[in-house]
N, C-alpha and C. Protein backbone atom coordinates (compact mmCIF):
# COMPACT_ATOMS: atom_id res chain seq x y z
N UNK A 1 0.76 -1.26 0.19
CA UNK A 1 0.35 0.18 0.09
C UNK A 1 0.94 1.57 -0.26
N UNK A 2 0.56 2.32 -0.95
CA UNK A 2 1.16 3.44 -0.91
C UNK A 2 0.98 4.44 0.11
N UNK A 3 2.07 4.65 1.03
CA UNK A 3 1.85 5.62 2.32
C UNK A 3 1.09 6.64 2.11
N UNK A 4 0.97 7.40 0.57
CA UNK A 4 -0.03 8.34 0.28
C UNK A 4 -1.45 7.98 -0.10
N UNK A 5 -2.61 8.69 -0.12
CA UNK A 5 -3.57 7.93 -0.43
C UNK A 5 -4.44 9.16 -0.88
N UNK A 6 -3.70 10.20 -1.21
CA UNK A 6 -4.58 11.35 -1.66
C UNK A 6 -5.27 11.08 -3.30
N UNK A 7 -4.73 10.54 -4.05
CA UNK A 7 -5.07 10.22 -5.20
C UNK A 7 -6.06 8.94 -5.10
N UNK A 8 -6.00 8.08 -4.58
CA UNK A 8 -6.72 7.05 -4.34
C UNK A 8 -8.30 7.27 -3.72
N UNK A 9 -8.23 8.13 -2.75
CA UNK A 9 -9.15 9.01 -1.73
C UNK A 9 -9.99 9.76 -3.02
N UNK A 10 -9.44 10.42 -3.69
CA UNK A 10 -9.93 11.61 -4.42
C UNK A 10 -10.61 10.53 -5.58
N UNK A 11 -10.30 9.61 -6.30
CA UNK A 11 -11.18 9.26 -7.15
C UNK A 11 -11.78 7.79 -6.58
N UNK A 12 -11.79 7.52 -5.50
CA UNK A 12 -12.57 6.72 -4.99
C UNK A 12 -12.31 5.12 -5.40
N UNK A 13 -11.01 4.94 -5.53
CA UNK A 13 -10.32 3.57 -5.80
C UNK A 13 -9.50 3.00 -4.74
N UNK A 14 -9.31 1.89 -5.03
CA UNK A 14 -8.42 1.30 -3.90
C UNK A 14 -6.87 1.32 -4.23
N UNK A 15 -6.29 1.45 -5.61
CA UNK A 15 -5.04 1.30 -6.11
C UNK A 15 -4.92 2.66 -6.73
N UNK A 16 -3.69 3.68 -6.76
CA UNK A 16 -3.37 4.59 -7.53
C UNK A 16 -3.08 4.55 -9.08
N UNK A 17 -4.17 3.67 -9.36
CA UNK A 17 -3.99 3.39 -11.04
C UNK A 17 -4.63 3.78 -11.92
N UNK A 18 -4.36 4.50 -12.87
CA UNK A 18 -5.21 4.46 -14.09
C UNK A 18 -5.24 4.09 -15.32
N UNK A 19 -5.79 3.56 -15.57
CA UNK A 19 -5.81 2.59 -17.74
C UNK A 19 -5.72 3.77 -18.07
N UNK A 20 -4.90 3.47 -19.24
CA UNK A 20 -5.16 4.76 -20.39
C UNK A 20 -5.93 4.68 -21.02
N UNK A 21 -6.60 5.47 -21.48
CA UNK A 21 -8.03 5.34 -22.07
C UNK A 21 -8.16 4.93 -23.73
N UNK A 22 -7.24 5.16 -24.37
CA UNK A 22 -6.59 4.69 -25.72
C UNK A 22 -7.56 5.17 -26.95
N UNK A 23 -8.16 5.61 -26.54
CA UNK A 23 -9.12 6.53 -27.51
C UNK A 23 -9.41 5.30 -28.61
N UNK A 24 -10.03 3.89 -28.51
CA UNK A 24 -10.46 3.39 -29.40
C UNK A 24 -10.28 1.94 -28.67
N UNK A 25 -8.98 1.40 -28.68
CA UNK A 25 -8.86 0.06 -28.49
C UNK A 25 -9.36 -0.49 -26.92
N UNK A 26 -9.50 0.14 -26.31
CA UNK A 26 -9.79 0.23 -24.70
C UNK A 26 -11.59 -0.38 -24.82
N UNK A 27 -11.96 -1.42 -24.16
CA UNK A 27 -13.47 -1.76 -24.13
C UNK A 27 -13.73 -1.79 -22.76
N UNK A 28 -14.99 -1.88 -22.85
CA UNK A 28 -16.04 -2.01 -21.68
C UNK A 28 -15.24 -2.66 -20.76
N UNK A 29 -15.26 -4.16 -21.51
CA UNK A 29 -15.13 -5.21 -20.58
C UNK A 29 -13.53 -4.80 -19.79
N UNK A 30 -12.77 -4.52 -20.78
CA UNK A 30 -11.19 -4.07 -19.95
C UNK A 30 -11.30 -3.01 -19.01
N UNK A 31 -12.04 -2.13 -19.05
CA UNK A 31 -12.20 -0.70 -18.47
C UNK A 31 -12.74 -1.43 -16.97
N UNK A 32 -13.88 -2.02 -17.17
CA UNK A 32 -14.42 -2.53 -16.01
C UNK A 32 -13.74 -3.43 -15.05
N UNK A 33 -12.82 -4.48 -15.90
CA UNK A 33 -11.87 -5.34 -15.35
C UNK A 33 -11.13 -4.39 -14.43
N UNK A 34 -10.50 -3.42 -14.83
CA UNK A 34 -9.88 -2.61 -14.31
C UNK A 34 -10.27 -2.06 -13.03
N UNK A 35 -11.47 -1.38 -13.00
CA UNK A 35 -12.31 -1.01 -12.20
C UNK A 35 -12.52 -1.61 -11.09
N UNK A 36 -13.00 -2.76 -11.45
CA UNK A 36 -13.15 -4.17 -10.34
C UNK A 36 -12.09 -4.55 -9.84
N UNK A 37 -11.13 -4.25 -10.08
CA UNK A 37 -9.93 -5.02 -9.09
C UNK A 37 -9.32 -3.81 -8.10
N UNK A 38 -9.88 -2.45 -8.44
CA UNK A 38 -9.25 -1.24 -7.53
C UNK A 38 -8.78 -0.38 -8.56
N UNK A 39 -8.84 -0.41 -9.96
CA UNK A 39 -8.04 0.55 -10.18
C UNK A 39 -9.12 1.30 -10.79
N UNK A 40 -8.45 2.67 -11.69
CA UNK A 40 -9.71 3.45 -12.47
C UNK A 40 -9.61 3.31 -14.12
N UNK A 41 -10.93 2.44 -14.43
CA UNK A 41 -10.77 1.88 -15.57
C UNK A 41 -11.25 3.00 -16.28
N UNK A 42 -11.03 3.36 -17.86
CA UNK A 42 -11.23 4.67 -18.50
C UNK A 42 -11.20 3.89 -19.86
N UNK A 43 -12.40 5.06 -20.65
CA UNK A 43 -12.29 4.52 -22.08
C UNK A 43 -12.14 5.79 -22.96
N UNK A 44 -11.70 6.00 -23.70
CA UNK A 44 -11.65 7.62 -24.57
C UNK A 44 -12.94 7.69 -25.48
N UNK A 45 -13.64 8.43 -25.61
CA UNK A 45 -14.58 8.81 -25.84
C UNK A 45 -14.81 10.12 -26.91
N UNK A 46 -13.23 10.18 -27.83
CA UNK A 46 -13.38 11.35 -28.91
C UNK A 46 -14.00 11.15 -29.78
N UNK A 47 -14.73 12.00 -30.20
CA UNK A 47 -15.82 12.43 -31.45
C UNK A 47 -16.93 11.24 -31.26
N UNK A 48 -17.04 10.55 -30.01
CA UNK A 48 -18.36 9.47 -29.97
C UNK A 48 -19.42 10.26 -29.71
N UNK A 49 -20.29 9.87 -30.72
CA UNK A 49 -21.98 10.11 -30.69
C UNK A 49 -22.34 9.73 -29.16
N UNK A 50 -23.48 11.11 -29.24
CA UNK A 50 -23.99 10.96 -27.72
C UNK A 50 -24.73 9.75 -27.33
N UNK A 51 -25.25 9.07 -28.13
CA UNK A 51 -26.18 7.90 -27.89
C UNK A 51 -25.08 7.07 -27.58
N UNK A 52 -24.18 6.70 -28.14
CA UNK A 52 -22.96 5.77 -27.92
C UNK A 52 -22.36 5.80 -26.46
N UNK A 53 -22.18 7.03 -26.03
CA UNK A 53 -21.53 7.37 -24.87
C UNK A 53 -22.53 7.08 -23.76
N UNK A 54 -23.76 6.95 -23.98
CA UNK A 54 -24.93 6.99 -22.70
C UNK A 54 -25.08 5.53 -22.93
N UNK A 55 -24.72 4.65 -24.29
CA UNK A 55 -24.66 3.36 -24.31
C UNK A 55 -23.75 2.68 -23.40
N UNK A 56 -22.63 3.21 -23.63
CA UNK A 56 -21.42 2.61 -22.89
C UNK A 56 -21.39 2.88 -21.57
N UNK A 57 -21.92 3.96 -21.18
CA UNK A 57 -22.22 4.56 -19.37
C UNK A 57 -22.93 2.97 -18.69
N UNK A 58 -24.24 2.61 -19.50
CA UNK A 58 -24.89 1.91 -19.12
C UNK A 58 -24.26 0.39 -19.12
N UNK A 59 -23.65 0.20 -20.28
CA UNK A 59 -22.98 -1.50 -20.27
C UNK A 59 -21.69 -1.21 -19.28
N UNK A 60 -20.93 -0.03 -19.09
CA UNK A 60 -20.06 -0.09 -17.66
C UNK A 60 -20.85 -0.17 -16.31
N UNK A 61 -21.90 0.33 -16.40
CA UNK A 61 -22.80 0.56 -14.94
C UNK A 61 -22.93 -1.06 -14.82
N UNK A 62 -23.49 -1.66 -15.63
CA UNK A 62 -23.86 -3.24 -15.57
C UNK A 62 -23.00 -4.02 -15.27
N UNK A 63 -21.69 -3.79 -15.60
CA UNK A 63 -20.46 -4.75 -15.54
C UNK A 63 -20.08 -4.58 -14.58
N UNK A 64 -20.08 -3.33 -13.72
CA UNK A 64 -19.55 -3.37 -12.28
C UNK A 64 -20.10 -1.93 -11.48
N UNK A 65 -19.65 -1.84 -10.27
CA UNK A 65 -20.35 -0.73 -9.89
C UNK A 65 -19.43 -0.05 -9.00
N UNK A 66 -17.92 0.15 -9.58
CA UNK A 66 -16.63 0.90 -9.26
C UNK A 66 -17.02 1.84 -10.18
N UNK A 67 -16.13 3.17 -9.85
CA UNK A 67 -15.55 4.50 -10.78
C UNK A 67 -15.31 4.21 -12.15
N UNK A 68 -15.42 4.66 -12.96
CA UNK A 68 -15.04 4.74 -14.25
C UNK A 68 -14.53 6.17 -14.71
N UNK A 69 -13.88 6.15 -16.11
CA UNK A 69 -13.27 7.75 -16.28
C UNK A 69 -13.62 7.50 -17.71
N UNK A 70 -14.33 8.28 -18.35
CA UNK A 70 -14.58 8.62 -19.73
C UNK A 70 -13.81 10.05 -20.23
N UNK A 71 -12.33 9.81 -21.30
CA UNK A 71 -11.84 10.75 -21.80
C UNK A 71 -12.07 11.13 -22.86
N UNK A 72 -12.47 12.73 -22.76
CA UNK A 72 -12.63 13.33 -24.10
C UNK A 72 -11.26 14.63 -23.83
N UNK A 73 -11.12 14.85 -25.69
CA UNK A 73 -10.20 15.94 -25.95
C UNK A 73 -10.86 17.25 -25.96
N UNK A 74 -10.19 18.21 -25.10
CA UNK A 74 -10.91 19.66 -25.01
C UNK A 74 -9.91 20.79 -25.74
N UNK A 75 -9.58 20.44 -26.91
CA UNK A 75 -8.65 21.34 -27.18
C UNK A 75 -9.17 21.91 -28.69
N UNK A 76 -9.08 22.98 -29.39
CA UNK A 76 -9.32 22.96 -30.73
C UNK A 76 -8.56 22.63 -31.58
N UNK A 77 -9.15 21.97 -32.84
CA UNK A 77 -8.44 21.28 -33.73
C UNK A 77 -7.23 22.33 -34.38
N UNK A 78 -6.30 21.41 -34.86
CA UNK A 78 -5.34 22.61 -35.66
C UNK A 78 -5.82 23.41 -37.03
N UNK A 79 -5.22 24.52 -37.03
CA UNK A 79 -5.82 25.06 -38.20
C UNK A 79 -4.86 25.03 -39.32
N UNK A 80 -5.35 24.87 -40.45
CA UNK A 80 -4.28 24.76 -41.48
C UNK A 80 -3.96 26.24 -41.73
N UNK A 81 -2.64 26.42 -42.19
CA UNK A 81 -2.19 27.72 -42.52
C UNK A 81 -2.10 27.64 -44.21
């Protein structure tokens, strides 16, 4: 066990581990498995339609009752010169 638990307490997880969201290759099953063993499972939702995000949330909540992370980009697209 880590001596400091600030991150674990903040994220409400057992282990201070955050799975990379990978913007595509990560699945609900993978993220739920990480969350189920005490880490923070993550899913990349870049350019994902709202309906699919809602379905993902439902599938994740069905797979585990642990916290999870949805990762979105919040920067402006590059401008062509």
